[in-house]
Protein backbone atom coordinates (compact mmCIF):
# COMPACT_ATOMS: atom_id res chain seq x y z
CA MET A 1 -49.07 -65.68 -4.17
CA ARG A 2 -52.03 -63.34 -4.42
CA ARG A 3 -50.77 -61.36 -1.43
CA THR A 4 -47.30 -60.99 -2.99
CA THR A 5 -48.82 -59.76 -6.26
CA THR A 6 -50.96 -57.21 -4.41
CA ILE A 7 -47.94 -55.91 -2.45
CA PHE A 8 -45.91 -55.70 -5.67
CA ILE A 9 -48.67 -53.76 -7.45
CA VAL A 10 -49.13 -51.35 -4.53
CA LEU A 11 -45.37 -50.69 -4.19
CA SER A 12 -44.94 -50.31 -7.94
CA THR A 13 -47.82 -47.84 -8.10
CA LEU A 14 -46.35 -45.86 -5.20
CA ILE A 15 -42.88 -45.69 -6.77
CA ILE A 16 -44.26 -44.75 -10.19
CA SER A 17 -46.47 -42.05 -8.58
CA ILE A 18 -43.49 -40.56 -6.72
CA LEU A 19 -41.39 -40.56 -9.89
CA TRP A 20 -44.21 -39.02 -11.91
CA TYR A 21 -44.65 -36.33 -9.27
CA GLY A 22 -40.89 -35.75 -9.22
CA PHE A 23 -40.95 -34.91 -12.92
CA THR A 24 -43.52 -32.18 -12.20
CA ILE A 25 -41.33 -30.49 -9.55
CA PRO A 26 -39.39 -27.58 -11.08
CA THR A 27 -35.62 -28.04 -11.20
CA GLN A 28 -35.01 -24.42 -10.16
CA TYR A 29 -35.96 -22.98 -6.79
CA SER A 30 -35.54 -19.86 -4.69
CA SER A 31 -35.88 -19.29 -0.96
CA SER A 32 -35.45 -16.11 1.10
CA ARG A 33 -35.32 -15.29 4.79
CA SER A 34 -34.59 -12.06 6.64
CA GLN A 35 -33.70 -11.21 10.20
CA HIS A 36 -32.94 -7.95 11.99
CA PHE A 37 -29.86 -7.66 14.22
CA ASP A 38 -29.27 -4.85 16.70
CA ILE A 39 -25.56 -4.59 15.97
CA ASP A 40 -23.18 -2.49 13.97
CA PRO A 41 -23.62 -3.42 10.27
CA ALA A 42 -19.82 -3.55 9.86
CA LYS A 43 -19.58 -6.33 12.48
CA LEU A 44 -22.16 -8.44 10.65
CA TRP A 45 -20.44 -7.78 7.32
CA ASP A 46 -17.05 -8.80 8.74
CA THR A 47 -18.56 -12.05 10.06
CA LEU A 48 -20.13 -12.95 6.70
CA ALA A 49 -17.21 -11.93 4.50
CA ASP A 50 -14.53 -13.78 6.49
CA TYR A 51 -15.11 -17.29 5.11
CA GLU A 52 -11.85 -18.54 6.64
CA LYS A 53 -13.54 -18.36 10.06
CA TYR A 54 -16.78 -20.12 9.07
CA ALA A 55 -15.73 -23.29 10.91
CA GLU A 56 -15.74 -21.27 14.15
CA TRP A 57 -19.43 -20.43 13.96
CA ARG A 58 -21.28 -22.19 11.11
CA GLU A 59 -23.40 -25.27 11.84
CA ASN A 60 -21.90 -28.51 10.57
CA VAL A 61 -18.76 -26.84 9.20
CA TYR A 62 -15.77 -28.39 10.93
CA ALA A 63 -12.92 -27.13 8.78
CA ILE A 64 -12.18 -24.74 5.94
CA LYS A 65 -9.55 -25.37 3.29
CA LYS A 66 -8.68 -22.31 1.24
CA LEU A 67 -8.42 -22.97 -2.50
CA PRO A 68 -6.17 -21.12 -4.96
CA ASP A 69 -8.11 -18.36 -6.67
CA LYS A 70 -7.11 -15.52 -8.96
CA ILE A 71 -10.47 -14.66 -10.51
CA TYR A 72 -12.97 -14.57 -7.64
CA TYR A 73 -12.99 -12.93 -4.20
CA GLY A 74 -12.10 -16.19 -2.49
CA SER A 75 -12.60 -19.94 -2.93
CA TRP A 76 -12.65 -22.64 -0.29
CA LYS A 77 -13.87 -26.09 0.65
CA GLU A 78 -16.03 -26.66 3.70
CA ILE A 79 -15.59 -29.98 5.48
CA ASP A 80 -18.54 -31.30 7.47
CA GLY A 81 -18.67 -33.67 10.43
CA GLU A 82 -18.67 -36.74 8.17
CA GLY A 83 -15.65 -35.62 6.16
CA ASN A 84 -17.65 -34.54 3.09
CA THR A 85 -16.27 -31.53 1.27
CA TYR A 86 -18.25 -28.79 -0.42
CA PRO A 87 -16.47 -26.23 -2.62
CA TYR A 88 -17.59 -22.59 -2.74
CA ARG A 89 -16.46 -19.25 -4.10
CA ILE A 90 -17.44 -15.63 -3.64
CA ILE A 91 -18.57 -14.33 -7.01
CA ARG A 92 -19.66 -10.83 -5.99
CA LYS A 93 -18.65 -8.63 -3.10
CA GLU A 94 -19.94 -5.13 -2.42
CA PRO A 95 -18.38 -4.33 0.98
CA GLY A 96 -20.96 -3.57 3.63
CA SER A 97 -23.98 -4.46 1.54
CA LEU A 98 -23.87 -7.57 -0.69
CA LEU A 99 -22.04 -10.90 -0.73
CA ILE A 100 -22.86 -13.66 -3.24
CA ILE A 101 -21.48 -17.16 -2.76
CA GLU A 102 -21.92 -20.05 -5.18
CA THR A 103 -21.09 -23.72 -5.18
CA ILE A 104 -18.21 -24.70 -7.42
CA LYS A 105 -19.78 -27.17 -9.80
CA GLU A 106 -17.83 -30.38 -9.18
CA LEU A 107 -21.08 -32.32 -9.21
CA ASP A 108 -23.82 -31.10 -11.50
CA THR A 109 -26.72 -32.44 -9.44
CA ILE A 110 -27.26 -29.40 -7.21
CA ASN A 111 -26.08 -25.89 -8.09
CA GLN A 112 -26.65 -23.14 -5.53
CA THR A 113 -25.99 -19.47 -4.88
CA TRP A 114 -26.56 -17.54 -1.67
CA SER A 115 -27.01 -13.77 -1.68
CA PHE A 116 -26.39 -12.02 1.64
CA GLU A 117 -27.79 -8.51 1.56
CA LEU A 118 -27.35 -6.10 4.46
CA LEU A 119 -30.06 -3.47 4.68
CA THR A 120 -29.88 -0.50 7.03
CA ASP A 121 -32.76 1.78 8.00
CA LYS A 122 -32.02 5.27 9.26
CA ASN A 123 -35.02 5.02 11.59
CA LYS A 124 -33.85 1.72 13.12
CA LYS A 125 -30.73 0.75 15.00
CA GLY A 126 -28.83 -2.19 13.56
CA VAL A 127 -29.09 -4.03 10.27
CA THR A 128 -31.41 -6.46 8.51
CA LEU A 129 -29.79 -9.45 6.87
CA SER A 130 -31.66 -10.92 3.93
CA ILE A 131 -30.43 -14.28 2.64
CA THR A 132 -31.67 -15.59 -0.69
CA GLU A 133 -30.78 -19.07 -1.84
CA GLN A 134 -31.27 -19.92 -5.49
CA GLY A 135 -30.56 -23.31 -6.88
CA GLU A 136 -31.13 -25.96 -9.45
CA ILE A 137 -31.52 -29.64 -8.69
CA THR A 138 -31.17 -31.55 -11.94
CA ASP A 139 -31.39 -35.12 -10.64
CA LEU A 140 -34.84 -36.51 -9.94
CA LEU A 141 -34.22 -38.30 -6.63
CA PRO A 142 -32.52 -35.38 -4.80
CA ARG A 143 -35.28 -33.09 -6.13
CA VAL A 144 -38.02 -35.34 -4.68
CA ILE A 145 -36.19 -35.76 -1.36
CA THR A 146 -35.65 -32.01 -1.02
CA HIS A 147 -39.26 -31.27 -1.91
CA PHE A 148 -40.79 -33.76 0.53
CA PHE A 149 -38.32 -33.99 3.40
CA THR A 150 -35.83 -31.14 3.77
CA GLY A 151 -37.27 -28.15 1.97
CA HIS A 152 -35.38 -25.55 0.00
CA ASP A 153 -34.77 -23.22 2.93
CA LEU A 154 -32.78 -25.62 5.09
CA ASP A 155 -29.42 -23.93 4.40
CA THR A 156 -30.87 -20.44 4.73
CA LYS A 157 -32.33 -21.25 8.14
CA ALA A 158 -29.02 -22.81 9.22
CA TYR A 159 -27.08 -19.65 8.20
CA LEU A 160 -29.42 -17.44 10.23
CA ARG A 161 -29.29 -19.76 13.27
CA SER A 162 -25.50 -19.87 13.10
CA ILE A 163 -25.15 -16.10 12.77
CA THR A 164 -27.60 -15.51 15.62
CA ASN A 165 -25.68 -17.94 17.85
CA LYS A 166 -22.32 -16.40 16.96
CA LEU A 167 -23.51 -12.86 17.66
CA ALA A 168 -25.03 -13.98 20.98
CA VAL A 169 -21.73 -15.56 22.03
CA ASP A 170 -19.80 -12.45 20.94
CA PHE A 171 -22.21 -10.26 22.93
CA LYS A 172 -21.85 -12.39 26.08
CA SER A 173 -18.07 -12.41 25.85
CA SER A 174 -17.94 -8.63 25.36
CA LYS A 175 -20.24 -8.15 28.40
CA SER A 176 -18.05 -10.35 30.59
CA LYS A 177 -14.95 -8.32 29.62
CA SER A 178 -16.61 -5.04 30.61
């Protein structure tokens, strides 16, 4: 009996501590990553702006379903390997330099935007891609899980990995054709 009470008190204290800490974590977050690519900026722009081909190169995106859209620059649902769907839309598009994508708020627990900025330097060949993810996690449990286990830059890292892999494959295939 005493052992059970001790275990109950320890577990209760742990859960209450995690919840208390969760309330101190800000609901809004921002994460940025940049990477330089030695390619034509137009090629990188075309890759990012063509959301209908994301399933061909993005990690964990198995299908794209285009959604009707008359206001934005494009809306779609991404379908992952488990059949989950995630709706997005392009809210700002400055060809060759800036693309901003946001989640369509079907669920109000996590709201996110991704800004893809292409920066060229006259002294350097290629282009630098800067990805900034901004979001808000309103529910306590997802906020705690993200803070402790996944981090806020998980999607940003995945985008850069996917783009790097796609460009490497494109480079290899263009070399083999030459």
